[in-house]
Amino acid sequence: HSEDENPAIVSNKRSLDEDNRAQTELKRRKLGSETRHRDPSQTDLT
């Protein structure tokens, strides 16, 4: 079997993807907050 077919590796990649999703959202929120405070016209925040 190739490395990509190894169940342990596949499961690990899947779990990392899910954690990265949260990390990405966190970074996006931080960046978005900073950007939106500099330019209030470019936001849908209330």
PDB file of all heavy atoms in Angstrom:
ATOM      1  N   HIS A   1       0.836  -1.196   0.000  1.00  0.00           N
ATOM      2  CA  HIS A   1       0.000   0.000   0.000  1.00  0.00           C
ATOM      3  C   HIS A   1       0.875   1.251   0.000  1.00  0.00           C
ATOM      4  O   HIS A   1       1.940   1.288   0.618  1.00  0.00           O
ATOM      5  CB  HIS A   1      -0.898   0.029   1.236  1.00  0.00           C
ATOM      6  CG  HIS A   1      -1.929  -1.051   1.247  1.00  0.00           C
ATOM      7  ND1 HIS A   1      -2.979  -1.066   0.375  1.00  0.00           N
ATOM      8  CD2 HIS A   1      -2.060  -2.157   2.027  1.00  0.00           C
ATOM      9  CE1 HIS A   1      -3.731  -2.121   0.604  1.00  0.00           C
ATOM     10  NE2 HIS A   1      -3.194  -2.808   1.611  1.00  0.00           N
ATOM     11  N   SER A   2       0.397   2.274  -0.676  1.00  0.00           N
ATOM     12  CA  SER A   2       1.108   3.547  -0.645  1.00  0.00           C
ATOM     13  C   SER A   2       0.864   4.231   0.676  1.00  0.00           C
ATOM     14  O   SER A   2      -0.038   3.882   1.422  1.00  0.00           O
ATOM     15  CB  SER A   2       0.615   4.456  -1.786  1.00  0.00           C
ATOM     16  OG  SER A   2      -0.704   4.880  -1.533  1.00  0.00           O
ATOM     17  N   GLU A   3       1.684   5.245   0.968  1.00  0.00           N
ATOM     18  CA  GLU A   3       1.564   5.985   2.223  1.00  0.00           C
ATOM     19  C   GLU A   3       0.191   6.609   2.370  1.00  0.00           C
ATOM     20  O   GLU A   3      -0.399   6.628   3.437  1.00  0.00           O
ATOM     21  CB  GLU A   3       2.643   7.065   2.289  1.00  0.00           C
ATOM     22  CG  GLU A   3       2.689   7.813   3.616  1.00  0.00           C
ATOM     23  CD  GLU A   3       3.758   8.871   3.618  1.00  0.00           C
ATOM     24  OE1 GLU A   3       3.547   9.899   2.949  1.00  0.00           O
ATOM     25  OE2 GLU A   3       4.794   8.679   4.268  1.00  0.00           O
ATOM     26  N   ASP A   4      -0.371   7.090   1.246  1.00  0.00           N
ATOM     27  CA  ASP A   4      -1.662   7.760   1.284  1.00  0.00           C
ATOM     28  C   ASP A   4      -2.798   6.803   1.612  1.00  0.00           C
ATOM     29  O   ASP A   4      -3.880   7.232   2.004  1.00  0.00           O
ATOM     30  CB  ASP A   4      -1.950   8.447  -0.059  1.00  0.00           C
ATOM     31  CG  ASP A   4      -1.057   9.659  -0.260  1.00  0.00           C
ATOM     32  OD1 ASP A   4      -0.519  10.153   0.749  1.00  0.00           O
ATOM     33  OD2 ASP A   4      -0.884  10.072  -1.416  1.00  0.00           O
ATOM     34  N   GLU A   5      -2.576   5.483   1.446  1.00  0.00           N
ATOM     35  CA  GLU A   5      -3.620   4.522   1.733  1.00  0.00           C
ATOM     36  C   GLU A   5      -3.567   4.032   3.166  1.00  0.00           C
ATOM     37  O   GLU A   5      -4.436   3.294   3.616  1.00  0.00           O
ATOM     38  CB  GLU A   5      -3.480   3.327   0.776  1.00  0.00           C
ATOM     39  CG  GLU A   5      -3.762   3.678  -0.682  1.00  0.00           C
ATOM     40  CD  GLU A   5      -3.444   2.517  -1.604  1.00  0.00           C
ATOM     41  OE1 GLU A   5      -2.519   1.752  -1.298  1.00  0.00           O
ATOM     42  OE2 GLU A   5      -4.138   2.380  -2.621  1.00  0.00           O
ATOM     43  N   ASN A   6      -2.514   4.386   3.891  1.00  0.00           N
ATOM     44  CA  ASN A   6      -2.390   3.969   5.287  1.00  0.00           C
ATOM     45  C   ASN A   6      -3.494   4.611   6.111  1.00  0.00           C
ATOM     46  O   ASN A   6      -3.591   5.837   6.165  1.00  0.00           O
ATOM     47  CB  ASN A   6      -1.013   4.398   5.822  1.00  0.00           C
ATOM     48  CG  ASN A   6      -0.738   3.863   7.207  1.00  0.00           C
ATOM     49  OD1 ASN A   6      -1.541   4.048   8.114  1.00  0.00           O
ATOM     50  ND2 ASN A   6       0.406   3.199   7.354  1.00  0.00           N
ATOM     51  N   PRO A   7      -4.335   3.822   6.792  1.00  0.00           N
ATOM     52  CA  PRO A   7      -5.455   4.388   7.560  1.00  0.00           C
ATOM     53  C   PRO A   7      -5.016   5.389   8.613  1.00  0.00           C
ATOM     54  O   PRO A   7      -5.687   6.387   8.855  1.00  0.00           O
ATOM     55  CB  PRO A   7      -6.086   3.141   8.196  1.00  0.00           C
ATOM     56  CG  PRO A   7      -5.697   2.024   7.319  1.00  0.00           C
ATOM     57  CD  PRO A   7      -4.334   2.362   6.830  1.00  0.00           C
ATOM     58  N   ALA A   8      -3.884   5.115   9.249  1.00  0.00           N
ATOM     59  CA  ALA A   8      -3.413   6.031  10.294  1.00  0.00           C
ATOM     60  C   ALA A   8      -3.055   7.385   9.711  1.00  0.00           C
ATOM     61  O   ALA A   8      -3.369   8.434  10.279  1.00  0.00           O
ATOM     62  CB  ALA A   8      -2.196   5.432  11.008  1.00  0.00           C
ATOM     63  N   ILE A   9      -2.415   7.373   8.541  1.00  0.00           N
ATOM     64  CA  ILE A   9      -2.021   8.632   7.904  1.00  0.00           C
ATOM     65  C   ILE A   9      -3.250   9.388   7.402  1.00  0.00           C
ATOM     66  O   ILE A   9      -3.353  10.596   7.560  1.00  0.00           O
ATOM     67  CB  ILE A   9      -1.047   8.349   6.743  1.00  0.00           C
ATOM     68  CG1 ILE A   9       0.259   7.778   7.296  1.00  0.00           C
ATOM     69  CG2 ILE A   9      -0.786   9.608   5.935  1.00  0.00           C
ATOM     70  CD1 ILE A   9       1.247   7.343   6.235  1.00  0.00           C
ATOM     71  N   VAL A  10      -4.182   8.645   6.812  1.00  0.00           N
ATOM     72  CA  VAL A  10      -5.409   9.277   6.323  1.00  0.00           C
ATOM     73  C   VAL A  10      -6.159   9.918   7.464  1.00  0.00           C
ATOM     74  O   VAL A  10      -6.641  11.050   7.374  1.00  0.00           O
ATOM     75  CB  VAL A  10      -6.301   8.238   5.609  1.00  0.00           C
ATOM     76  CG1 VAL A  10      -7.660   8.844   5.290  1.00  0.00           C
ATOM     77  CG2 VAL A  10      -5.628   7.745   4.340  1.00  0.00           C
ATOM     78  N   SER A  11      -6.280   9.205   8.594  1.00  0.00           N
ATOM     79  CA  SER A  11      -6.993   9.738   9.749  1.00  0.00           C
ATOM     80  C   SER A  11      -6.291  10.961  10.303  1.00  0.00           C
ATOM     81  O   SER A  11      -6.921  11.951  10.687  1.00  0.00           O
ATOM     82  CB  SER A  11      -7.104   8.664  10.839  1.00  0.00           C
ATOM     83  OG  SER A  11      -7.813   9.152  11.949  1.00  0.00           O
ATOM     84  N   ASN A  12      -4.961  10.919  10.336  1.00  0.00           N
ATOM     85  CA  ASN A  12      -4.197  12.054  10.842  1.00  0.00           C
ATOM     86  C   ASN A  12      -4.391  13.272   9.967  1.00  0.00           C
ATOM     87  O   ASN A  12      -4.580  14.388  10.455  1.00  0.00           O
ATOM     88  CB  ASN A  12      -2.720  11.687  10.917  1.00  0.00           C
ATOM     89  CG  ASN A  12      -1.892  12.771  11.583  1.00  0.00           C
ATOM     90  OD1 ASN A  12      -2.340  13.401  12.516  1.00  0.00           O
ATOM     91  ND2 ASN A  12      -0.682  12.971  11.090  1.00  0.00           N
ATOM     92  N   LYS A  13      -4.365  13.083   8.651  1.00  0.00           N
ATOM     93  CA  LYS A  13      -4.558  14.205   7.731  1.00  0.00           C
ATOM     94  C   LYS A  13      -5.938  14.818   7.923  1.00  0.00           C
ATOM     95  O   LYS A  13      -6.110  16.029   7.903  1.00  0.00           O
ATOM     96  CB  LYS A  13      -4.391  13.723   6.289  1.00  0.00           C
ATOM     97  CG  LYS A  13      -2.949  13.442   5.896  1.00  0.00           C
ATOM     98  CD  LYS A  13      -2.856  12.986   4.458  1.00  0.00           C
ATOM     99  CE  LYS A  13      -1.402  12.749   4.051  1.00  0.00           C
ATOM    100  NZ  LYS A  13      -1.301  12.271   2.646  1.00  0.00           N
ATOM    101  N   ARG A  14      -6.927  13.959   8.116  1.00  0.00           N
ATOM    102  CA  ARG A  14      -8.285  14.453   8.300  1.00  0.00           C
ATOM    103  C   ARG A  14      -8.397  15.280   9.577  1.00  0.00           C
ATOM    104  O   ARG A  14      -9.004  16.339   9.600  1.00  0.00           O
ATOM    105  CB  ARG A  14      -9.263  13.272   8.360  1.00  0.00           C
ATOM    106  CG  ARG A  14     -10.725  13.684   8.430  1.00  0.00           C
ATOM    107  CD  ARG A  14     -11.624  12.472   8.589  1.00  0.00           C
ATOM    108  NE  ARG A  14     -11.493  11.548   7.476  1.00  0.00           N
ATOM    109  CZ  ARG A  14     -11.054  10.306   7.602  1.00  0.00           C
ATOM    110  NH1 ARG A  14     -10.691   9.839   8.778  1.00  0.00           N
ATOM    111  NH2 ARG A  14     -10.969   9.511   6.552  1.00  0.00           N
ATOM    112  N   SER A  15      -7.789  14.803  10.654  1.00  0.00           N
ATOM    113  CA  SER A  15      -7.860  15.525  11.916  1.00  0.00           C
ATOM    114  C   SER A  15      -7.116  16.847  11.838  1.00  0.00           C
ATOM    115  O   SER A  15      -7.556  17.859  12.381  1.00  0.00           O
ATOM    116  CB  SER A  15      -7.285  14.668  13.057  1.00  0.00           C
ATOM    117  OG  SER A  15      -5.899  14.431  12.870  1.00  0.00           O
ATOM    118  N   LEU A  16      -5.980  16.841  11.133  1.00  0.00           N
ATOM    119  CA  LEU A  16      -5.234  18.077  10.971  1.00  0.00           C
ATOM    120  C   LEU A  16      -6.025  19.086  10.154  1.00  0.00           C
ATOM    121  O   LEU A  16      -6.000  20.289  10.440  1.00  0.00           O
ATOM    122  CB  LEU A  16      -3.892  17.793  10.301  1.00  0.00           C
ATOM    123  CG  LEU A  16      -2.851  17.064  11.156  1.00  0.00           C
ATOM    124  CD1 LEU A  16      -1.629  16.734  10.316  1.00  0.00           C
ATOM    125  CD2 LEU A  16      -2.469  17.905  12.359  1.00  0.00           C
ATOM    126  N   ASP A  17      -6.734  18.617   9.148  1.00  0.00           N
ATOM    127  CA  ASP A  17      -7.564  19.507   8.335  1.00  0.00           C
ATOM    128  C   ASP A  17      -8.621  20.186   9.197  1.00  0.00           C
ATOM    129  O   ASP A  17      -8.889  21.375   9.047  1.00  0.00           O
ATOM    130  CB  ASP A  17      -8.252  18.714   7.218  1.00  0.00           C
ATOM    131  CG  ASP A  17      -7.293  18.348   6.094  1.00  0.00           C
ATOM    132  OD1 ASP A  17      -6.202  18.946   6.040  1.00  0.00           O
ATOM    133  OD2 ASP A  17      -7.632  17.462   5.294  1.00  0.00           O
ATOM    134  N   GLU A  18      -9.213  19.439  10.115  1.00  0.00           N
ATOM    135  CA  GLU A  18     -10.270  19.998  10.952  1.00  0.00           C
ATOM    136  C   GLU A  18      -9.708  21.029  11.929  1.00  0.00           C
ATOM    137  O   GLU A  18     -10.310  22.074  12.168  1.00  0.00           O
ATOM    138  CB  GLU A  18     -10.980  18.869  11.707  1.00  0.00           C
ATOM    139  CG  GLU A  18     -11.776  17.959  10.774  1.00  0.00           C
ATOM    140  CD  GLU A  18     -12.401  16.774  11.490  1.00  0.00           C
ATOM    141  OE1 GLU A  18     -12.193  16.649  12.713  1.00  0.00           O
ATOM    142  OE2 GLU A  18     -13.082  15.980  10.834  1.00  0.00           O
ATOM    143  N   ASP A  19      -8.531  20.748  12.497  1.00  0.00           N
ATOM    144  CA  ASP A  19      -7.925  21.715  13.400  1.00  0.00           C
ATOM    145  C   ASP A  19      -7.463  22.941  12.622  1.00  0.00           C
ATOM    146  O   ASP A  19      -7.607  24.074  13.076  1.00  0.00           O
ATOM    147  CB  ASP A  19      -6.747  21.080  14.134  1.00  0.00           C
ATOM    148  CG  ASP A  19      -6.214  21.976  15.247  1.00  0.00           C
ATOM    149  OD1 ASP A  19      -7.034  22.629  15.919  1.00  0.00           O
ATOM    150  OD2 ASP A  19      -4.996  22.030  15.449  1.00  0.00           O
ATOM    151  N   ASN A  20      -6.916  22.721  11.435  1.00  0.00           N
ATOM    152  CA  ASN A  20      -6.473  23.850  10.611  1.00  0.00           C
ATOM    153  C   ASN A  20      -7.642  24.755  10.243  1.00  0.00           C
ATOM    154  O   ASN A  20      -7.473  25.963  10.084  1.00  0.00           O
ATOM    155  CB  ASN A  20      -5.792  23.346   9.337  1.00  0.00           C
ATOM    156  CG  ASN A  20      -4.412  22.795   9.604  1.00  0.00           C
ATOM    157  OD1 ASN A  20      -3.795  23.113  10.612  1.00  0.00           O
ATOM    158  ND2 ASN A  20      -3.922  21.950   8.708  1.00  0.00           N
ATOM    159  N   ARG A  21      -8.817  24.157  10.089  1.00  0.00           N
ATOM    160  CA  ARG A  21     -10.006  24.954   9.790  1.00  0.00           C
ATOM    161  C   ARG A  21     -10.258  25.975  10.899  1.00  0.00           C
ATOM    162  O   ARG A  21     -10.525  27.150  10.638  1.00  0.00           O
ATOM    163  CB  ARG A  21     -11.227  24.039   9.652  1.00  0.00           C
ATOM    164  CG  ARG A  21     -12.546  24.762   9.467  1.00  0.00           C
ATOM    165  CD  ARG A  21     -13.667  23.771   9.242  1.00  0.00           C
ATOM    166  NE  ARG A  21     -13.782  22.823  10.335  1.00  0.00           N
ATOM    167  CZ  ARG A  21     -14.460  23.070  11.459  1.00  0.00           C
ATOM    168  NH1 ARG A  21     -15.041  24.234  11.628  1.00  0.00           N
ATOM    169  NH2 ARG A  21     -14.558  22.156  12.401  1.00  0.00           N
ATOM    170  N   ALA A  22     -10.154  25.530  12.144  1.00  0.00           N
ATOM    171  CA  ALA A  22     -10.357  26.447  13.269  1.00  0.00           C
ATOM    172  C   ALA A  22      -9.234  27.474  13.346  1.00  0.00           C
ATOM    173  O   ALA A  22      -9.473  28.653  13.610  1.00  0.00           O
ATOM    174  CB  ALA A  22     -10.446  25.665  14.574  1.00  0.00           C
ATOM    175  N   GLN A  23      -7.991  27.023  13.126  1.00  0.00           N
ATOM    176  CA  GLN A  23      -6.864  27.945  13.147  1.00  0.00           C
ATOM    177  C   GLN A  23      -7.014  29.015  12.064  1.00  0.00           C
ATOM    178  O   GLN A  23      -6.736  30.193  12.292  1.00  0.00           O
ATOM    179  CB  GLN A  23      -5.558  27.161  12.930  1.00  0.00           C
ATOM    180  CG  GLN A  23      -5.216  26.185  14.038  1.00  0.00           C
ATOM    181  CD  GLN A  23      -4.591  26.844  15.235  1.00  0.00           C
ATOM    182  OE1 GLN A  23      -4.460  28.075  15.281  1.00  0.00           O
ATOM    183  NE2 GLN A  23      -4.211  26.054  16.214  1.00  0.00           N
ATOM    184  N   THR A  24      -7.443  28.590  10.890  1.00  0.00           N
ATOM    185  CA  THR A  24      -7.630  29.525   9.779  1.00  0.00           C
ATOM    186  C   THR A  24      -8.719  30.537  10.104  1.00  0.00           C
ATOM    187  O   THR A  24      -8.585  31.730   9.831  1.00  0.00           O
ATOM    188  CB  THR A  24      -7.997  28.767   8.488  1.00  0.00           C
ATOM    189  OG1 THR A  24      -6.926  27.880   8.153  1.00  0.00           O
ATOM    190  CG2 THR A  24      -8.238  29.731   7.338  1.00  0.00           C
ATOM    191  N   GLU A  25      -9.799  30.054  10.682  1.00  0.00           N
ATOM    192  CA  GLU A  25     -10.891  30.955  11.061  1.00  0.00           C
ATOM    193  C   GLU A  25     -10.423  31.973  12.088  1.00  0.00           C
ATOM    194  O   GLU A  25     -10.742  33.159  12.016  1.00  0.00           O
ATOM    195  CB  GLU A  25     -12.065  30.152  11.621  1.00  0.00           C
ATOM    196  CG  GLU A  25     -13.254  30.991  12.090  1.00  0.00           C
ATOM    197  CD  GLU A  25     -13.978  31.700  10.962  1.00  0.00           C
ATOM    198  OE1 GLU A  25     -13.652  31.445   9.785  1.00  0.00           O
ATOM    199  OE2 GLU A  25     -14.860  32.537  11.258  1.00  0.00           O
ATOM    200  N   LEU A  26      -9.612  31.518  13.050  1.00  0.00           N
ATOM    201  CA  LEU A  26      -9.094  32.414  14.067  1.00  0.00           C
ATOM    202  C   LEU A  26      -8.225  33.503  13.448  1.00  0.00           C
ATOM    203  O   LEU A  26      -8.374  34.691  13.748  1.00  0.00           O
ATOM    204  CB  LEU A  26      -8.291  31.607  15.089  1.00  0.00           C
ATOM    205  CG  LEU A  26      -7.830  32.350  16.346  1.00  0.00           C
ATOM    206  CD1 LEU A  26      -9.021  32.822  17.151  1.00  0.00           C
ATOM    207  CD2 LEU A  26      -6.944  31.453  17.192  1.00  0.00           C
ATOM    208  N   LYS A  27      -7.314  33.100  12.550  1.00  0.00           N
ATOM    209  CA  LYS A  27      -6.449  34.072  11.884  1.00  0.00           C
ATOM    210  C   LYS A  27      -7.262  35.031  11.023  1.00  0.00           C
ATOM    211  O   LYS A  27      -6.991  36.226  10.962  1.00  0.00           O
ATOM    212  CB  LYS A  27      -5.408  33.350  11.033  1.00  0.00           C
ATOM    213  CG  LYS A  27      -4.383  32.577  11.853  1.00  0.00           C
ATOM    214  CD  LYS A  27      -3.428  31.820  10.953  1.00  0.00           C
ATOM    215  CE  LYS A  27      -2.420  31.033  11.773  1.00  0.00           C
ATOM    216  NZ  LYS A  27      -1.512  30.245  10.903  1.00  0.00           N
ATOM    217  N   ARG A  28      -8.266  34.480  10.331  1.00  0.00           N
ATOM    218  CA  ARG A  28      -9.094  35.321   9.469  1.00  0.00           C
ATOM    219  C   ARG A  28      -9.838  36.360  10.283  1.00  0.00           C
ATOM    220  O   ARG A  28      -9.963  37.518   9.879  1.00  0.00           O
ATOM    221  CB  ARG A  28     -10.112  34.451   8.723  1.00  0.00           C
ATOM    222  CG  ARG A  28     -10.915  35.205   7.680  1.00  0.00           C
ATOM    223  CD  ARG A  28     -11.853  34.276   6.949  1.00  0.00           C
ATOM    224  NE  ARG A  28     -12.965  33.859   7.773  1.00  0.00           N
ATOM    225  CZ  ARG A  28     -14.068  34.605   7.974  1.00  0.00           C
ATOM    226  NH1 ARG A  28     -14.158  35.804   7.429  1.00  0.00           N
ATOM    227  NH2 ARG A  28     -15.047  34.156   8.718  1.00  0.00           N
ATOM    228  N   ARG A  29     -10.319  35.943  11.445  1.00  0.00           N
ATOM    229  CA  ARG A  29     -11.048  36.879  12.300  1.00  0.00           C
ATOM    230  C   ARG A  29     -10.138  37.981  12.813  1.00  0.00           C
ATOM    231  O   ARG A  29     -10.509  39.147  12.860  1.00  0.00           O
ATOM    232  CB  ARG A  29     -11.672  36.122  13.466  1.00  0.00           C
ATOM    233  CG  ARG A  29     -12.855  35.257  13.051  1.00  0.00           C
ATOM    234  CD  ARG A  29     -14.090  36.102  12.841  1.00  0.00           C
ATOM    235  NE  ARG A  29     -14.981  35.514  11.867  1.00  0.00           N
ATOM    236  CZ  ARG A  29     -16.119  36.047  11.487  1.00  0.00           C
ATOM    237  NH1 ARG A  29     -16.503  37.205  11.974  1.00  0.00           N
ATOM    238  NH2 ARG A  29     -16.875  35.464  10.587  1.00  0.00           N
ATOM    239  N   LYS A  30      -8.909  37.607  13.209  1.00  0.00           N
ATOM    240  CA  LYS A  30      -7.958  38.613  13.701  1.00  0.00           C
ATOM    241  C   LYS A  30      -7.606  39.601  12.602  1.00  0.00           C
ATOM    242  O   LYS A  30      -7.612  40.804  12.798  1.00  0.00           O
ATOM    243  CB  LYS A  30      -6.707  37.929  14.234  1.00  0.00           C
ATOM    244  CG  LYS A  30      -6.917  37.225  15.560  1.00  0.00           C
ATOM    245  CD  LYS A  30      -5.628  36.588  16.045  1.00  0.00           C
ATOM    246  CE  LYS A  30      -5.832  35.935  17.400  1.00  0.00           C
ATOM    247  NZ  LYS A  30      -4.609  35.264  17.896  1.00  0.00           N
ATOM    248  N   LEU A  31      -7.285  39.073  11.418  1.00  0.00           N
ATOM    249  CA  LEU A  31      -6.920  39.932  10.289  1.00  0.00           C
ATOM    250  C   LEU A  31      -8.103  40.790   9.872  1.00  0.00           C
ATOM    251  O   LEU A  31      -7.975  41.982   9.631  1.00  0.00           O
ATOM    252  CB  LEU A  31      -6.454  39.073   9.113  1.00  0.00           C
ATOM    253  CG  LEU A  31      -6.078  39.839   7.839  1.00  0.00           C
ATOM    254  CD1 LEU A  31      -4.941  40.798   8.134  1.00  0.00           C
ATOM    255  CD2 LEU A  31      -5.686  38.862   6.737  1.00  0.00           C
ATOM    256  N   GLY A  32      -9.282  40.160   9.825  1.00  0.00           N
ATOM    257  CA  GLY A  32     -10.474  40.885   9.425  1.00  0.00           C
ATOM    258  C   GLY A  32     -10.814  41.996  10.389  1.00  0.00           C
ATOM    259  O   GLY A  32     -11.194  43.096   9.996  1.00  0.00           O
ATOM    260  N   SER A  33     -10.652  41.716  11.672  1.00  0.00           N
ATOM    261  CA  SER A  33     -10.946  42.731  12.680  1.00  0.00           C
ATOM    262  C   SER A  33     -10.017  43.918  12.529  1.00  0.00           C
ATOM    263  O   SER A  33     -10.430  45.070  12.566  1.00  0.00           O
ATOM    264  CB  SER A  33     -10.814  42.124  14.083  1.00  0.00           C
ATOM    265  OG  SER A  33     -11.099  43.094  15.059  1.00  0.00           O
ATOM    266  N   GLU A  34      -8.703  43.636  12.336  1.00  0.00           N
ATOM    267  CA  GLU A  34      -7.740  44.722  12.180  1.00  0.00           C
ATOM    268  C   GLU A  34      -8.040  45.543  10.928  1.00  0.00           C
ATOM    269  O   GLU A  34      -8.024  46.763  10.948  1.00  0.00           O
ATOM    270  CB  GLU A  34      -6.332  44.137  12.102  1.00  0.00           C
ATOM    271  CG  GLU A  34      -5.887  43.481  13.409  1.00  0.00           C
ATOM    272  CD  GLU A  34      -4.627  42.671  13.235  1.00  0.00           C
ATOM    273  OE1 GLU A  34      -4.131  42.604  12.086  1.00  0.00           O
ATOM    274  OE2 GLU A  34      -4.143  42.103  14.225  1.00  0.00           O
ATOM    275  N   THR A  35      -8.304  44.862   9.823  1.00  0.00           N
ATOM    276  CA  THR A  35      -8.570  45.547   8.557  1.00  0.00           C
ATOM    277  C   THR A  35      -9.828  46.374   8.637  1.00  0.00           C
ATOM    278  O   THR A  35      -9.870  47.523   8.196  1.00  0.00           O
ATOM    279  CB  THR A  35      -8.707  44.516   7.417  1.00  0.00           C
ATOM    280  OG1 THR A  35      -7.500  43.751   7.346  1.00  0.00           O
ATOM    281  CG2 THR A  35      -8.952  45.211   6.098  1.00  0.00           C
ATOM    282  N   ARG A  36     -10.866  45.815   9.226  1.00  0.00           N
ATOM    283  CA  ARG A  36     -12.149  46.498   9.264  1.00  0.00           C
ATOM    284  C   ARG A  36     -12.110  47.718  10.163  1.00  0.00           C
ATOM    285  O   ARG A  36     -12.782  48.701   9.917  1.00  0.00           O
ATOM    286  CB  ARG A  36     -13.220  45.512   9.727  1.00  0.00           C
ATOM    287  CG  ARG A  36     -13.550  44.485   8.656  1.00  0.00           C
ATOM    288  CD  ARG A  36     -14.243  43.285   9.226  1.00  0.00           C
ATOM    289  NE  ARG A  36     -14.654  42.371   8.173  1.00  0.00           N
ATOM    290  CZ  ARG A  36     -15.087  41.147   8.384  1.00  0.00           C
ATOM    291  NH1 ARG A  36     -15.150  40.682   9.605  1.00  0.00           N
ATOM    292  NH2 ARG A  36     -15.455  40.383   7.380  1.00  0.00           N
ATOM    293  N   HIS A  37     -11.291  47.662  11.210  1.00  0.00           N
ATOM    294  CA  HIS A  37     -11.187  48.832  12.067  1.00  0.00           C
ATOM    295  C   HIS A  37     -10.460  49.962  11.361  1.00  0.00           C
ATOM    296  O   HIS A  37     -10.692  51.129  11.638  1.00  0.00           O
ATOM    297  CB  HIS A  37     -10.473  48.471  13.372  1.00  0.00           C
ATOM    298  CG  HIS A  37     -11.348  47.762  14.349  1.00  0.00           C
ATOM    299  ND1 HIS A  37     -12.486  48.336  14.872  1.00  0.00           N
ATOM    300  CD2 HIS A  37     -11.279  46.520  14.883  1.00  0.00           C
ATOM    301  CE1 HIS A  37     -13.065  47.492  15.706  1.00  0.00           C
ATOM    302  NE2 HIS A  37     -12.361  46.380  15.723  1.00  0.00           N
ATOM    303  N   ARG A  38      -9.570  49.613  10.424  1.00  0.00           N
ATOM    304  CA  ARG A  38      -8.861  50.658   9.681  1.00  0.00           C
ATOM    305  C   ARG A  38      -9.735  51.269   8.596  1.00  0.00           C
ATOM    306  O   ARG A  38      -9.609  52.432   8.261  1.00  0.00           O
ATOM    307  CB  ARG A  38      -7.587  50.061   9.060  1.00  0.00           C
ATOM    308  CG  ARG A  38      -6.488  49.737  10.058  1.00  0.00           C
ATOM    309  CD  ARG A  38      -5.180  49.537   9.326  1.00  0.00           C
ATOM    310  NE  ARG A  38      -5.229  48.455   8.372  1.00  0.00           N
ATOM    311  CZ  ARG A  38      -4.917  47.204   8.648  1.00  0.00           C
ATOM    312  NH1 ARG A  38      -4.567  46.873   9.876  1.00  0.00           N
ATOM    313  NH2 ARG A  38      -4.957  46.272   7.708  1.00  0.00           N
ATOM    314  N   ASP A  39     -10.625  50.453   8.037  1.00  0.00           N
ATOM    315  CA  ASP A  39     -11.454  50.931   6.932  1.00  0.00           C
ATOM    316  C   ASP A  39     -12.894  50.488   7.138  1.00  0.00           C
ATOM    317  O   ASP A  39     -13.314  49.465   6.623  1.00  0.00           O
ATOM    318  CB  ASP A  39     -10.918  50.379   5.608  1.00  0.00           C
ATOM    319  CG  ASP A  39     -11.659  50.971   4.408  1.00  0.00           C
ATOM    320  OD1 ASP A  39     -12.571  51.800   4.625  1.00  0.00           O
ATOM    321  OD2 ASP A  39     -11.333  50.599   3.279  1.00  0.00           O
ATOM    322  N   PRO A  40     -13.677  51.253   7.923  1.00  0.00           N
ATOM    323  CA  PRO A  40     -15.046  50.861   8.248  1.00  0.00           C
ATOM    324  C   PRO A  40     -15.946  50.693   7.038  1.00  0.00           C
ATOM    325  O   PRO A  40     -16.968  50.021   7.112  1.00  0.00           O
ATOM    326  CB  PRO A  40     -15.525  52.026   9.139  1.00  0.00           C
ATOM    327  CG  PRO A  40     -14.271  52.632   9.665  1.00  0.00           C
ATOM    328  CD  PRO A  40     -13.275  52.496   8.560  1.00  0.00           C
ATOM    329  N   SER A  41     -15.569  51.260   5.903  1.00  0.00           N
ATOM    330  CA  SER A  41     -16.443  51.158   4.732  1.00  0.00           C
ATOM    331  C   SER A  41     -16.365  49.777   4.091  1.00  0.00           C
ATOM    332  O   SER A  41     -17.222  49.405   3.306  1.00  0.00           O
ATOM    333  CB  SER A  41     -16.056  52.218   3.701  1.00  0.00           C
ATOM    334  OG  SER A  41     -14.768  51.950   3.173  1.00  0.00           O
ATOM    335  N   GLN A  42     -15.332  49.007   4.436  1.00  0.00           N
ATOM    336  CA  GLN A  42     -15.129  47.698   3.815  1.00  0.00           C
ATOM    337  C   GLN A  42     -15.517  46.584   4.785  1.00  0.00           C
ATOM    338  O   GLN A  42     -14.741  45.683   5.046  1.00  0.00           O
ATOM    339  CB  GLN A  42     -13.654  47.549   3.405  1.00  0.00           C
ATOM    340  CG  GLN A  42     -13.169  48.599   2.447  1.00  0.00           C
ATOM    341  CD  GLN A  42     -13.952  48.593   1.140  1.00  0.00           C
ATOM    342  OE1 GLN A  42     -14.211  47.531   0.591  1.00  0.00           O
ATOM    343  NE2 GLN A  42     -14.327  49.760   0.659  1.00  0.00           N
ATOM    344  N   THR A  43     -16.711  46.640   5.319  1.00  0.00           N
ATOM    345  CA  THR A  43     -17.108  45.641   6.306  1.00  0.00           C
ATOM    346  C   THR A  43     -18.605  45.479   6.369  1.00  0.00           C
ATOM    347  O   THR A  43     -19.364  46.380   6.038  1.00  0.00           O
ATOM    348  CB  THR A  43     -16.588  46.032   7.699  1.00  0.00           C
ATOM    349  OG1 THR A  43     -17.034  45.051   8.635  1.00  0.00           O
ATOM    350  CG2 THR A  43     -17.126  47.377   8.132  1.00  0.00           C
ATOM    351  N   ASP A  44     -19.020  44.282   6.799  1.00  0.00           N
ATOM    352  CA  ASP A  44     -20.437  44.056   7.066  1.00  0.00           C
ATOM    353  C   ASP A  44     -20.673  43.920   8.560  1.00  0.00           C
ATOM    354  O   ASP A  44     -21.729  43.519   9.003  1.00  0.00           O
ATOM    355  CB  ASP A  44     -20.941  42.797   6.345  1.00  0.00           C
ATOM    356  CG  ASP A  44     -20.213  41.533   6.797  1.00  0.00           C
ATOM    357  OD1 ASP A  44     -19.270  41.656   7.601  1.00  0.00           O
ATOM    358  OD2 ASP A  44     -20.597  40.448   6.350  1.00  0.00           O
ATOM    359  N   LEU A  45     -19.658  44.276   9.360  1.00  0.00           N
ATOM    360  CA  LEU A  45     -19.807  44.201  10.805  1.00  0.00           C
ATOM    361  C   LEU A  45     -20.733  45.308  11.304  1.00  0.00           C
ATOM    362  O   LEU A  45     -20.817  46.389  10.723  1.00  0.00           O
ATOM    363  CB  LEU A  45     -18.446  44.344  11.501  1.00  0.00           C
ATOM    364  CG  LEU A  45     -17.461  43.193  11.296  1.00  0.00           C
ATOM    365  CD1 LEU A  45     -16.140  43.543  11.960  1.00  0.00           C
ATOM    366  CD2 LEU A  45     -18.019  41.906  11.861  1.00  0.00           C
ATOM    367  N   THR A  46     -21.408  45.018  12.403  1.00  0.00           N
ATOM    368  CA  THR A  46     -22.289  46.001  13.020  1.00  0.00           C
ATOM    369  C   THR A  46     -21.530  46.776  14.086  1.00  0.00           C
ATOM    370  O   THR A  46     -20.441  46.368  14.503  1.00  0.00           O
ATOM    371  CB  THR A  46     -23.483  45.294  13.679  1.00  0.00           C
ATOM    372  OG1 THR A  46     -22.986  44.494  14.769  1.00  0.00           O
ATOM    373  CG2 THR A  46     -24.214  44.405  12.686  1.00  0.00           C
TER     374      THR A  46
END
